[in-house]
């Protein structure tokens, strides 16, 4: 599930079925296999006896062992270096159900290892029910040059309750975004009047600030999405957290949580993925979610060039401009 190839909203499996008409296979990973071994085994299975070219593969866990693990999906883009097949880009998406909100330590570890501070996008919804409206959509972007001038953007509903207004202010303050609050009266109704500074001289948001903003937004409404990335886009992290028990407080320790996380590496053109990158992903999943890679059955789908051309892959390579999606990541147009 590459961030550049997924729709902002909708079911990933539906998207994959609608755009994929290619060969599939099933493989069995060895007892000591890791992500690297599974991907290379999947590529060999997709290439077949004729050694057909392998472009982009979907590699999904057939039967997740844990009852609460909904799915573990990997999408890998392959390239050839001196006739040797290498992984050029990799996304690992985990969806699971938690008995309570994840710890701040887990979020901090994910943000520090897989996220980035150059681009931060935080979306908070007005409730945890499916289809709830967005309460806030805040983006902070600091390109590598000059590196201290941020471009801020924020979207809020025209009318907010006092509680919602206070929550939006807290989110802006967590991310250290400058804003002005000038309530306005239109047609007899009080509008928010929240305005952020489009340009701001500042340091990048720290992972702890990204974490605190995400947790504060979730505690308020029970549904928040955080996307962070480096610029250029070498790696990124997307976390979505939604409360399933609408009758209990979103931050309650006993509330059930739908947790959706995507780790992405190798997105920038020319940046090769190292085995250490895949090992770090594997160790993180094993440590925090008890995910086992070895001795598992995996479904392999060879996308092999059938991806629509409108969802191309590189800024430099294809001369495409990036369009950011706060609910998934970057899409190339």
C-alpha atoms as a PDB file:
ATOM      1  CA  UNK A   1       0.000   0.000   0.000  1.00  0.00           C
ATOM      2  CA  UNK A   2       2.217   2.684  -1.199  1.00  0.00           C
ATOM      3  CA  UNK A   3       1.257   6.133  -0.053  1.00  0.00           C
ATOM      4  CA  UNK A   4       1.474   7.355  -3.607  1.00  0.00           C
ATOM      5  CA  UNK A   5      -1.002   4.755  -4.901  1.00  0.00           C
ATOM      6  CA  UNK A   6      -3.901   4.705  -2.486  1.00  0.00           C
ATOM      7  CA  UNK A   7      -7.058   6.724  -2.496  1.00  0.00           C
ATOM      8  CA  UNK A   8      -7.604   9.167   0.358  1.00  0.00           C
ATOM      9  CA  UNK A   9     -10.626   7.275   1.571  1.00  0.00           C
ATOM     10  CA  UNK A  10     -12.080   3.853   0.936  1.00  0.00           C
ATOM     11  CA  UNK A  11     -11.219   0.229   1.469  1.00  0.00           C
ATOM     12  CA  UNK A  12      -7.749  -0.813   0.334  1.00  0.00           C
ATOM     13  CA  UNK A  13      -8.824  -4.310  -0.642  1.00  0.00           C
ATOM     14  CA  UNK A  14     -11.599  -2.923  -2.849  1.00  0.00           C
ATOM     15  CA  UNK A  15      -9.101  -0.609  -4.528  1.00  0.00           C
ATOM     16  CA  UNK A  16      -6.679  -3.457  -5.112  1.00  0.00           C
ATOM     17  CA  UNK A  17      -9.332  -5.698  -6.648  1.00  0.00           C
ATOM     18  CA  UNK A  18     -10.640  -2.966  -8.918  1.00  0.00           C
ATOM     19  CA  UNK A  19      -7.225  -2.055 -10.323  1.00  0.00           C
ATOM     20  CA  UNK A  20      -5.540  -5.455 -10.278  1.00  0.00           C
ATOM     21  CA  UNK A  21      -5.938  -8.095 -12.929  1.00  0.00           C
ATOM     22  CA  UNK A  22      -2.737 -10.064 -12.573  1.00  0.00           C
ATOM     23  CA  UNK A  23      -1.324 -13.375 -11.427  1.00  0.00           C
ATOM     24  CA  UNK A  24      -1.470 -14.409  -7.772  1.00  0.00           C
ATOM     25  CA  UNK A  25       0.355 -17.048  -5.775  1.00  0.00           C
ATOM     26  CA  UNK A  26       0.731 -18.279  -2.219  1.00  0.00           C
ATOM     27  CA  UNK A  27       4.057 -18.824  -0.473  1.00  0.00           C
ATOM     28  CA  UNK A  28       5.111 -20.290   2.870  1.00  0.00           C
ATOM     29  CA  UNK A  29       7.844 -18.423   4.743  1.00  0.00           C
ATOM     30  CA  UNK A  30      10.538 -20.359   6.563  1.00  0.00           C
ATOM     31  CA  UNK A  31      10.749 -20.479  10.366  1.00  0.00           C
ATOM     32  CA  UNK A  32      13.577 -17.932  10.517  1.00  0.00           C
ATOM     33  CA  UNK A  33      12.389 -15.767   7.617  1.00  0.00           C
ATOM     34  CA  UNK A  34      12.101 -12.015   7.971  1.00  0.00           C
ATOM     35  CA  UNK A  35      10.604  -9.318   5.752  1.00  0.00           C
ATOM     36  CA  UNK A  36      13.623  -9.391   3.409  1.00  0.00           C
ATOM     37  CA  UNK A  37      13.393 -13.139   2.856  1.00  0.00           C
ATOM     38  CA  UNK A  38       9.604 -13.037   2.369  1.00  0.00           C
ATOM     39  CA  UNK A  39       9.843 -10.298  -0.268  1.00  0.00           C
ATOM     40  CA  UNK A  40      12.606 -12.062  -2.221  1.00  0.00           C
ATOM     41  CA  UNK A  41      10.677 -15.342  -2.044  1.00  0.00           C
ATOM     42  CA  UNK A  42       7.564 -13.535  -3.262  1.00  0.00           C
ATOM     43  CA  UNK A  43       9.492 -11.984  -6.144  1.00  0.00           C
ATOM     44  CA  UNK A  44      10.815 -15.386  -7.198  1.00  0.00           C
ATOM     45  CA  UNK A  45       7.304 -16.832  -7.112  1.00  0.00           C
ATOM     46  CA  UNK A  46       5.961 -13.926  -9.180  1.00  0.00           C
ATOM     47  CA  UNK A  47       8.775 -14.200 -11.740  1.00  0.00           C
ATOM     48  CA  UNK A  48       8.066 -17.886 -12.286  1.00  0.00           C
ATOM     49  CA  UNK A  49      10.214 -20.333 -14.252  1.00  0.00           C
ATOM     50  CA  UNK A  50      10.537 -17.871 -17.142  1.00  0.00           C
ATOM     51  CA  UNK A  51      11.972 -15.211 -14.837  1.00  0.00           C
ATOM     52  CA  UNK A  52       9.409 -12.635 -15.895  1.00  0.00           C
ATOM     53  CA  UNK A  53      10.014  -9.014 -14.806  1.00  0.00           C
ATOM     54  CA  UNK A  54       8.750  -8.112 -11.364  1.00  0.00           C
ATOM     55  CA  UNK A  55       7.632  -4.539 -10.761  1.00  0.00           C
ATOM     56  CA  UNK A  56       5.292  -4.025  -7.813  1.00  0.00           C
ATOM     57  CA  UNK A  57       4.104  -6.831  -5.535  1.00  0.00           C
ATOM     58  CA  UNK A  58       1.360  -7.049  -2.944  1.00  0.00           C
ATOM     59  CA  UNK A  59       2.377  -9.487  -0.216  1.00  0.00           C
ATOM     60  CA  UNK A  60      -0.332 -10.020   2.398  1.00  0.00           C
ATOM     61  CA  UNK A  61      -0.537 -12.305   5.417  1.00  0.00           C
ATOM     62  CA  UNK A  62      -3.097 -14.992   4.566  1.00  0.00           C
ATOM     63  CA  UNK A  63      -4.328 -15.840   8.060  1.00  0.00           C
ATOM     64  CA  UNK A  64      -3.210 -13.477  10.821  1.00  0.00           C
ATOM     65  CA  UNK A  65      -2.454 -15.538  13.907  1.00  0.00           C
ATOM     66  CA  UNK A  66      -3.622 -13.067  16.533  1.00  0.00           C
ATOM     67  CA  UNK A  67      -7.388 -12.693  16.844  1.00  0.00           C
ATOM     68  CA  UNK A  68      -7.153  -8.917  17.001  1.00  0.00           C
ATOM     69  CA  UNK A  69      -4.824  -8.570  13.983  1.00  0.00           C
ATOM     70  CA  UNK A  70      -7.055  -7.705  11.065  1.00  0.00           C
ATOM     71  CA  UNK A  71      -4.395  -7.632   8.354  1.00  0.00           C
ATOM     72  CA  UNK A  72      -0.709  -7.231   7.603  1.00  0.00           C
ATOM     73  CA  UNK A  73      -0.075  -5.986   4.069  1.00  0.00           C
ATOM     74  CA  UNK A  74       3.165  -5.176   2.273  1.00  0.00           C
ATOM     75  CA  UNK A  75       3.638  -3.528  -1.090  1.00  0.00           C
ATOM     76  CA  UNK A  76       7.140  -3.631  -2.530  1.00  0.00           C
ATOM     77  CA  UNK A  77       8.538  -2.033  -5.671  1.00  0.00           C
ATOM     78  CA  UNK A  78      11.460  -3.870  -7.224  1.00  0.00           C
ATOM     79  CA  UNK A  79      14.302  -2.646  -9.426  1.00  0.00           C
ATOM     80  CA  UNK A  80      17.379  -4.270 -10.944  1.00  0.00           C
ATOM     81  CA  UNK A  81      20.943  -3.363 -10.026  1.00  0.00           C
ATOM     82  CA  UNK A  82      23.608  -5.153 -12.059  1.00  0.00           C
ATOM     83  CA  UNK A  83      21.139  -7.947 -12.870  1.00  0.00           C
ATOM     84  CA  UNK A  84      20.317  -8.292  -9.165  1.00  0.00           C
ATOM     85  CA  UNK A  85      16.768  -7.769  -7.936  1.00  0.00           C
ATOM     86  CA  UNK A  86      16.534  -5.180  -5.142  1.00  0.00           C
ATOM     87  CA  UNK A  87      13.655  -3.605  -3.216  1.00  0.00           C
ATOM     88  CA  UNK A  88      13.315   0.024  -4.281  1.00  0.00           C
ATOM     89  CA  UNK A  89      10.325   0.996  -2.144  1.00  0.00           C
ATOM     90  CA  UNK A  90       8.375  -0.710   0.623  1.00  0.00           C
ATOM     91  CA  UNK A  91       5.200  -0.022   2.569  1.00  0.00           C
ATOM     92  CA  UNK A  92       4.054  -2.173   5.467  1.00  0.00           C
ATOM     93  CA  UNK A  93       0.503  -1.645   6.706  1.00  0.00           C
ATOM     94  CA  UNK A  94      -0.825  -3.154   9.931  1.00  0.00           C
ATOM     95  CA  UNK A  95      -4.461  -3.011  10.981  1.00  0.00           C
ATOM     96  CA  UNK A  96      -5.453  -4.353  14.362  1.00  0.00           C
ATOM     97  CA  UNK A  97      -7.847  -3.910  17.266  1.00  0.00           C
ATOM     98  CA  UNK A  98      -6.421  -2.854  20.618  1.00  0.00           C
ATOM     99  CA  UNK A  99      -7.966  -3.247  24.063  1.00  0.00           C
ATOM    100  CA  UNK A 100      -7.070   0.376  24.847  1.00  0.00           C
ATOM    101  CA  UNK A 101      -5.138   3.335  23.440  1.00  0.00           C
ATOM    102  CA  UNK A 102      -1.509   2.517  22.526  1.00  0.00           C
ATOM    103  CA  UNK A 103       1.146   3.844  24.845  1.00  0.00           C
ATOM    104  CA  UNK A 104       2.892   7.111  24.231  1.00  0.00           C
ATOM    105  CA  UNK A 105       6.165   5.164  24.154  1.00  0.00           C
ATOM    106  CA  UNK A 106       4.958   3.083  21.196  1.00  0.00           C
ATOM    107  CA  UNK A 107       3.925   6.179  19.242  1.00  0.00           C
ATOM    108  CA  UNK A 108       7.152   7.964  20.118  1.00  0.00           C
ATOM    109  CA  UNK A 109       9.248   5.013  18.940  1.00  0.00           C
ATOM    110  CA  UNK A 110       7.363   4.819  15.633  1.00  0.00           C
ATOM    111  CA  UNK A 111       7.649   8.550  14.998  1.00  0.00           C
ATOM    112  CA  UNK A 112      11.352   8.694  15.783  1.00  0.00           C
ATOM    113  CA  UNK A 113      12.290   5.659  13.664  1.00  0.00           C
ATOM    114  CA  UNK A 114       9.895   5.804  10.721  1.00  0.00           C
ATOM    115  CA  UNK A 115       8.324   9.272  10.624  1.00  0.00           C
ATOM    116  CA  UNK A 116       9.731  12.671   9.788  1.00  0.00           C
ATOM    117  CA  UNK A 117       9.624  16.229  11.074  1.00  0.00           C
ATOM    118  CA  UNK A 118       9.711  18.051   7.733  1.00  0.00           C
ATOM    119  CA  UNK A 119       6.044  17.349   6.983  1.00  0.00           C
ATOM    120  CA  UNK A 120       3.314  16.931   9.604  1.00  0.00           C
ATOM    121  CA  UNK A 121      -0.378  16.491   8.905  1.00  0.00           C
ATOM    122  CA  UNK A 122      -2.875  16.021  11.744  1.00  0.00           C
ATOM    123  CA  UNK A 123      -6.573  15.408  11.127  1.00  0.00           C
ATOM    124  CA  UNK A 124      -9.106  15.146  13.943  1.00  0.00           C
ATOM    125  CA  UNK A 125     -12.742  14.219  13.407  1.00  0.00           C
ATOM    126  CA  UNK A 126     -15.847  15.376  15.237  1.00  0.00           C
ATOM    127  CA  UNK A 127     -16.601  11.867  16.449  1.00  0.00           C
ATOM    128  CA  UNK A 128     -15.577   8.242  16.109  1.00  0.00           C
ATOM    129  CA  UNK A 129     -18.671   7.198  14.166  1.00  0.00           C
ATOM    130  CA  UNK A 130     -18.064   6.250  10.510  1.00  0.00           C
ATOM    131  CA  UNK A 131     -18.587   9.245   8.257  1.00  0.00           C
ATOM    132  CA  UNK A 132     -18.017  11.832  10.992  1.00  0.00           C
ATOM    133  CA  UNK A 133     -17.020  15.291   9.770  1.00  0.00           C
ATOM    134  CA  UNK A 134     -13.510  16.633  10.177  1.00  0.00           C
ATOM    135  CA  UNK A 135     -13.007  18.953  13.121  1.00  0.00           C
ATOM    136  CA  UNK A 136      -9.537  20.123  12.117  1.00  0.00           C
ATOM    137  CA  UNK A 137      -7.004  19.555   9.378  1.00  0.00           C
ATOM    138  CA  UNK A 138      -3.599  21.031  10.260  1.00  0.00           C
ATOM    139  CA  UNK A 139      -0.481  20.795   8.091  1.00  0.00           C
ATOM    140  CA  UNK A 140       3.045  22.023   8.799  1.00  0.00           C
ATOM    141  CA  UNK A 141       5.667  21.744   6.056  1.00  0.00           C
ATOM    142  CA  UNK A 142       9.339  22.724   6.307  1.00  0.00           C
ATOM    143  CA  UNK A 143      11.369  22.000   3.163  1.00  0.00           C
ATOM    144  CA  UNK A 144      15.055  21.193   3.528  1.00  0.00           C
ATOM    145  CA  UNK A 145      15.959  24.657   2.271  1.00  0.00           C
ATOM    146  CA  UNK A 146      16.010  26.999   4.046  1.00  0.00           C
ATOM    147  CA  UNK A 147      14.762  24.620   6.751  1.00  0.00           C
ATOM    148  CA  UNK A 148      13.490  27.200   9.212  1.00  0.00           C
ATOM    149  CA  UNK A 149      10.540  28.696   7.309  1.00  0.00           C
ATOM    150  CA  UNK A 150       7.365  26.651   7.690  1.00  0.00           C
ATOM    151  CA  UNK A 151       4.286  26.713   5.525  1.00  0.00           C
ATOM    152  CA  UNK A 152       1.190  26.237   7.667  1.00  0.00           C
ATOM    153  CA  UNK A 153      -2.351  25.458   6.647  1.00  0.00           C
ATOM    154  CA  UNK A 154      -5.406  24.672   8.747  1.00  0.00           C
ATOM    155  CA  UNK A 155      -9.046  23.971   7.992  1.00  0.00           C
ATOM    156  CA  UNK A 156     -11.846  24.166  10.550  1.00  0.00           C
ATOM    157  CA  UNK A 157     -15.648  24.082  10.315  1.00  0.00           C
ATOM    158  CA  UNK A 158     -17.215  27.514  10.100  1.00  0.00           C
ATOM    159  CA  UNK A 159     -19.077  27.041  13.386  1.00  0.00           C
ATOM    160  CA  UNK A 160     -17.563  25.398  16.478  1.00  0.00           C
ATOM    161  CA  UNK A 161     -18.776  24.836  19.996  1.00  0.00           C
ATOM    162  CA  UNK A 162     -16.705  26.345  22.790  1.00  0.00           C
ATOM    163  CA  UNK A 163     -15.321  22.896  23.598  1.00  0.00           C
ATOM    164  CA  UNK A 164     -14.352  22.299  19.967  1.00  0.00           C
ATOM    165  CA  UNK A 165     -12.783  25.734  19.696  1.00  0.00           C
ATOM    166  CA  UNK A 166     -10.661  25.041  22.785  1.00  0.00           C
ATOM    167  CA  UNK A 167      -9.606  21.664  21.338  1.00  0.00           C
ATOM    168  CA  UNK A 168      -8.563  23.252  18.019  1.00  0.00           C
ATOM    169  CA  UNK A 169      -6.508  25.848  19.857  1.00  0.00           C
ATOM    170  CA  UNK A 170      -4.779  23.121  21.856  1.00  0.00           C
ATOM    171  CA  UNK A 171      -3.902  21.226  18.666  1.00  0.00           C
ATOM    172  CA  UNK A 172      -2.356  24.339  17.130  1.00  0.00           C
ATOM    173  CA  UNK A 173      -0.401  25.007  20.298  1.00  0.00           C
ATOM    174  CA  UNK A 174       0.874  21.412  20.440  1.00  0.00           C
ATOM    175  CA  UNK A 175       2.324  21.802  16.943  1.00  0.00           C
ATOM    176  CA  UNK A 176       3.474  25.370  17.748  1.00  0.00           C
ATOM    177  CA  UNK A 177       1.508  26.890  14.885  1.00  0.00           C
ATOM    178  CA  UNK A 178       0.893  30.616  15.218  1.00  0.00           C
ATOM    179  CA  UNK A 179      -2.753  31.586  14.998  1.00  0.00           C
ATOM    180  CA  UNK A 180      -5.207  34.397  15.657  1.00  0.00           C
ATOM    181  CA  UNK A 181      -8.696  34.003  17.083  1.00  0.00           C
ATOM    182  CA  UNK A 182     -11.207  36.643  16.061  1.00  0.00           C
ATOM    183  CA  UNK A 183     -14.778  35.342  16.456  1.00  0.00           C
ATOM    184  CA  UNK A 184     -17.061  36.691  13.764  1.00  0.00           C
ATOM    185  CA  UNK A 185     -20.833  37.044  13.557  1.00  0.00           C
ATOM    186  CA  UNK A 186     -22.502  36.066  10.275  1.00  0.00           C
ATOM    187  CA  UNK A 187     -26.255  35.717   9.872  1.00  0.00           C
ATOM    188  CA  UNK A 188     -26.660  35.810  13.620  1.00  0.00           C
ATOM    189  CA  UNK A 189     -24.259  32.904  14.235  1.00  0.00           C
ATOM    190  CA  UNK A 190     -20.805  33.045  15.813  1.00  0.00           C
ATOM    191  CA  UNK A 191     -18.067  31.705  13.551  1.00  0.00           C
ATOM    192  CA  UNK A 192     -14.694  30.466  14.761  1.00  0.00           C
ATOM    193  CA  UNK A 193     -12.486  33.158  13.296  1.00  0.00           C
ATOM    194  CA  UNK A 194      -9.370  30.960  13.689  1.00  0.00           C
ATOM    195  CA  UNK A 195      -6.615  32.059  11.316  1.00  0.00           C
ATOM    196  CA  UNK A 196      -3.131  30.542  11.115  1.00  0.00           C
ATOM    197  CA  UNK A 197       0.012  32.236   9.839  1.00  0.00           C
ATOM    198  CA  UNK A 198       0.701  30.832   6.384  1.00  0.00           C
ATOM    199  CA  UNK A 199       4.438  31.378   6.796  1.00  0.00           C
ATOM    200  CA  UNK A 200       6.266  31.095  10.075  1.00  0.00           C
ATOM    201  CA  UNK A 201       9.931  31.150  11.095  1.00  0.00           C
ATOM    202  CA  UNK A 202      10.276  28.199  13.424  1.00  0.00           C
ATOM    203  CA  UNK A 203      11.983  24.886  14.140  1.00  0.00           C
ATOM    204  CA  UNK A 204      10.505  21.609  12.976  1.00  0.00           C
ATOM    205  CA  UNK A 205       7.914  19.913  15.213  1.00  0.00           C
ATOM    206  CA  UNK A 206       9.559  17.353  17.450  1.00  0.00           C
ATOM    207  CA  UNK A 207       8.241  13.764  17.469  1.00  0.00           C
ATOM    208  CA  UNK A 208       7.032  14.381  21.020  1.00  0.00           C
ATOM    209  CA  UNK A 209       4.964  17.358  19.810  1.00  0.00           C
ATOM    210  CA  UNK A 210       3.505  15.261  16.968  1.00  0.00           C
ATOM    211  CA  UNK A 211       2.639  12.537  19.454  1.00  0.00           C
ATOM    212  CA  UNK A 212       1.044  14.932  21.946  1.00  0.00           C
ATOM    213  CA  UNK A 213      -1.071  16.604  19.269  1.00  0.00           C
ATOM    214  CA  UNK A 214      -2.257  13.233  17.985  1.00  0.00           C
ATOM    215  CA  UNK A 215      -3.152  11.951  21.454  1.00  0.00           C
ATOM    216  CA  UNK A 216      -4.893  15.200  22.399  1.00  0.00           C
ATOM    217  CA  UNK A 217      -6.989  15.082  19.246  1.00  0.00           C
ATOM    218  CA  UNK A 218      -7.926  11.459  19.850  1.00  0.00           C
ATOM    219  CA  UNK A 219      -8.899  12.082  23.463  1.00  0.00           C
ATOM    220  CA  UNK A 220     -11.192  14.884  22.358  1.00  0.00           C
ATOM    221  CA  UNK A 221     -13.141  13.123  19.610  1.00  0.00           C
ATOM    222  CA  UNK A 222     -12.067   9.470  19.448  1.00  0.00           C
ATOM    223  CA  UNK A 223     -10.773   9.583  15.861  1.00  0.00           C
ATOM    224  CA  UNK A 224      -7.467  11.086  14.695  1.00  0.00           C
ATOM    225  CA  UNK A 225      -5.030  10.601  11.817  1.00  0.00           C
ATOM    226  CA  UNK A 226      -1.358  11.595  11.878  1.00  0.00           C
ATOM    227  CA  UNK A 227       0.925  11.567   8.854  1.00  0.00           C
ATOM    228  CA  UNK A 228       4.594  12.563   9.101  1.00  0.00           C
ATOM    229  CA  UNK A 229       7.359  12.409   6.516  1.00  0.00           C
ATOM    230  CA  UNK A 230      10.805  13.537   5.552  1.00  0.00           C
ATOM    231  CA  UNK A 231      11.385  15.949   2.673  1.00  0.00           C
ATOM    232  CA  UNK A 232      12.503  14.711   0.184  1.00  0.00           C
ATOM    233  CA  UNK A 233      10.178  11.813   0.817  1.00  0.00           C
ATOM    234  CA  UNK A 234      12.619   9.103   1.934  1.00  0.00           C
ATOM    235  CA  UNK A 235      10.334   7.596   4.591  1.00  0.00           C
ATOM    236  CA  UNK A 236       6.984   8.317   6.176  1.00  0.00           C
ATOM    237  CA  UNK A 237       4.568   7.127   8.833  1.00  0.00           C
ATOM    238  CA  UNK A 238       0.793   7.176   8.941  1.00  0.00           C
ATOM    239  CA  UNK A 239      -1.198   6.363  12.100  1.00  0.00           C
ATOM    240  CA  UNK A 240      -4.972   6.292  12.377  1.00  0.00           C
ATOM    241  CA  UNK A 241      -6.714   5.622  15.655  1.00  0.00           C
ATOM    242  CA  UNK A 242     -10.490   5.330  16.106  1.00  0.00           C
ATOM    243  CA  UNK A 243     -12.502   4.445  19.189  1.00  0.00           C
ATOM    244  CA  UNK A 244     -14.926   1.562  18.635  1.00  0.00           C
ATOM    245  CA  UNK A 245     -16.847   1.990  21.895  1.00  0.00           C
ATOM    246  CA  UNK A 246     -18.800   5.161  21.205  1.00  0.00           C
ATOM    247  CA  UNK A 247     -20.483   5.078  24.633  1.00  0.00           C
ATOM    248  CA  UNK A 248     -17.220   5.330  26.610  1.00  0.00           C
ATOM    249  CA  UNK A 249     -14.748   8.179  26.724  1.00  0.00           C
ATOM    250  CA  UNK A 250     -12.276   8.044  23.784  1.00  0.00           C
ATOM    251  CA  UNK A 251      -9.230   8.020  26.051  1.00  0.00           C
ATOM    252  CA  UNK A 252     -10.575   5.432  28.489  1.00  0.00           C
ATOM    253  CA  UNK A 253      -8.158   2.598  29.180  1.00  0.00           C
ATOM    254  CA  UNK A 254     -10.905   0.010  28.613  1.00  0.00           C
ATOM    255  CA  UNK A 255     -12.129   1.335  25.258  1.00  0.00           C
ATOM    256  CA  UNK A 256     -11.546  -0.747  22.139  1.00  0.00           C
ATOM    257  CA  UNK A 257      -9.410   0.939  19.480  1.00  0.00           C
ATOM    258  CA  UNK A 258      -9.183   0.366  15.730  1.00  0.00           C
ATOM    259  CA  UNK A 259      -5.497   0.982  14.992  1.00  0.00           C
ATOM    260  CA  UNK A 260      -4.156   1.434  11.447  1.00  0.00           C
ATOM    261  CA  UNK A 261      -0.437   2.090  10.852  1.00  0.00           C
ATOM    262  CA  UNK A 262       1.660   2.269   7.681  1.00  0.00           C
ATOM    263  CA  UNK A 263       5.468   2.349   7.643  1.00  0.00           C
ATOM    264  CA  UNK A 264       7.005   3.510   4.346  1.00  0.00           C
ATOM    265  CA  UNK A 265      10.627   3.660   3.205  1.00  0.00           C
ATOM    266  CA  UNK A 266      12.401   4.273  -0.083  1.00  0.00           C
ATOM    267  CA  UNK A 267       9.876   6.721  -1.516  1.00  0.00           C
ATOM    268  CA  UNK A 268      12.429   9.239  -2.837  1.00  0.00           C
ATOM    269  CA  UNK A 269      13.788   8.454  -6.282  1.00  0.00           C
ATOM    270  CA  UNK A 270      17.220   6.855  -6.213  1.00  0.00           C
ATOM    271  CA  UNK A 271      17.174   6.016  -2.503  1.00  0.00           C
ATOM    272  CA  UNK A 272      17.858   2.300  -2.114  1.00  0.00           C
ATOM    273  CA  UNK A 273      16.311   0.409   0.779  1.00  0.00           C
ATOM    274  CA  UNK A 274      18.892  -1.233   2.982  1.00  0.00           C
ATOM    275  CA  UNK A 275      18.353  -4.551   4.810  1.00  0.00           C
ATOM    276  CA  UNK A 276      18.573  -2.556   8.050  1.00  0.00           C
ATOM    277  CA  UNK A 277      15.399  -0.683   7.052  1.00  0.00           C
ATOM    278  CA  UNK A 278      13.405  -3.881   6.663  1.00  0.00           C
ATOM    279  CA  UNK A 279      14.918  -5.363   9.805  1.00  0.00           C
ATOM    280  CA  UNK A 280      13.876  -2.263  11.777  1.00  0.00           C
ATOM    281  CA  UNK A 281      10.283  -2.636  10.503  1.00  0.00           C
ATOM    282  CA  UNK A 282      10.247  -6.299  11.437  1.00  0.00           C
ATOM    283  CA  UNK A 283      11.649  -5.745  14.925  1.00  0.00           C
ATOM    284  CA  UNK A 284       9.162  -2.946  15.590  1.00  0.00           C
ATOM    285  CA  UNK A 285       6.188  -5.136  14.597  1.00  0.00           C
ATOM    286  CA  UNK A 286       7.485  -8.071  16.626  1.00  0.00           C
ATOM    287  CA  UNK A 287       8.188  -5.995  19.719  1.00  0.00           C
ATOM    288  CA  UNK A 288       5.011  -3.920  19.871  1.00  0.00           C
ATOM    289  CA  UNK A 289       2.402  -6.115  18.149  1.00  0.00           C
ATOM    290  CA  UNK A 290       3.772  -9.657  18.495  1.00  0.00           C
ATOM    291  CA  UNK A 291       3.682 -10.069  14.711  1.00  0.00           C
ATOM    292  CA  UNK A 292       5.455 -13.184  13.448  1.00  0.00           C
ATOM    293  CA  UNK A 293       6.906 -13.129   9.909  1.00  0.00           C
ATOM    294  CA  UNK A 294       8.329 -16.649   9.752  1.00  0.00           C
ATOM    295  CA  UNK A 295       6.298 -19.855   9.307  1.00  0.00           C
ATOM    296  CA  UNK A 296       3.375 -17.983   7.745  1.00  0.00           C
ATOM    297  CA  UNK A 297       1.382 -18.228   4.537  1.00  0.00           C
ATOM    298  CA  UNK A 298       1.461 -15.136   2.322  1.00  0.00           C
ATOM    299  CA  UNK A 299      -0.689 -14.172  -0.654  1.00  0.00           C
ATOM    300  CA  UNK A 300       1.356 -12.628  -3.463  1.00  0.00           C
ATOM    301  CA  UNK A 301      -0.146 -10.489  -6.228  1.00  0.00           C
ATOM    302  CA  UNK A 302       2.032  -9.236  -9.074  1.00  0.00           C
ATOM    303  CA  UNK A 303       0.899  -5.756 -10.064  1.00  0.00           C
ATOM    304  CA  UNK A 304       3.437  -5.819 -12.939  1.00  0.00           C
ATOM    305  CA  UNK A 305       2.811  -2.499 -14.601  1.00  0.00           C
ATOM    306  CA  UNK A 306      -0.990  -2.529 -14.475  1.00  0.00           C
ATOM    307  CA  UNK A 307      -1.109   0.441 -12.092  1.00  0.00           C
ATOM    308  CA  UNK A 308      -2.933   3.391 -13.686  1.00  0.00           C
ATOM    309  CA  UNK A 309      -0.530   5.916 -15.207  1.00  0.00           C
ATOM    310  CA  UNK A 310      -2.179   8.743 -13.270  1.00  0.00           C
ATOM    311  CA  UNK A 311      -0.725   7.210 -10.112  1.00  0.00           C
ATOM    312  CA  UNK A 312       2.881   7.433 -11.242  1.00  0.00           C
ATOM    313  CA  UNK A 313       5.796   7.127  -8.927  1.00  0.00           C
ATOM    314  CA  UNK A 314       8.452   9.822  -8.959  1.00  0.00           C
ATOM    315  CA  UNK A 315       8.716  13.586  -8.878  1.00  0.00           C
ATOM    316  CA  UNK A 316      12.102  13.670 -10.576  1.00  0.00           C
ATOM    317  CA  UNK A 317      11.592  10.610 -12.707  1.00  0.00           C
ATOM    318  CA  UNK A 318       8.107  11.425 -14.014  1.00  0.00           C
ATOM    319  CA  UNK A 319       8.142  15.203 -13.520  1.00  0.00           C
ATOM    320  CA  UNK A 320       4.970  15.014 -11.498  1.00  0.00           C
ATOM    321  CA  UNK A 321       3.914  17.315  -8.703  1.00  0.00           C
ATOM    322  CA  UNK A 322       3.027  15.909  -5.266  1.00  0.00           C
ATOM    323  CA  UNK A 323      -0.485  16.262  -3.922  1.00  0.00           C
ATOM    324  CA  UNK A 324      -0.686  15.590  -0.202  1.00  0.00           C
ATOM    325  CA  UNK A 325      -3.521  13.601   1.261  1.00  0.00           C
ATOM    326  CA  UNK A 326      -3.967  14.017   4.996  1.00  0.00           C
ATOM    327  CA  UNK A 327      -5.737  10.662   5.258  1.00  0.00           C
ATOM    328  CA  UNK A 328      -3.030   8.676   3.515  1.00  0.00           C
ATOM    329  CA  UNK A 329       0.029  10.522   2.358  1.00  0.00           C
ATOM    330  CA  UNK A 330       1.384  11.775  -0.916  1.00  0.00           C
ATOM    331  CA  UNK A 331      -0.076  11.147  -4.351  1.00  0.00           C
ATOM    332  CA  UNK A 332       1.703  12.090  -7.549  1.00  0.00           C
ATOM    333  CA  UNK A 333      -0.316  14.002 -10.107  1.00  0.00           C
END
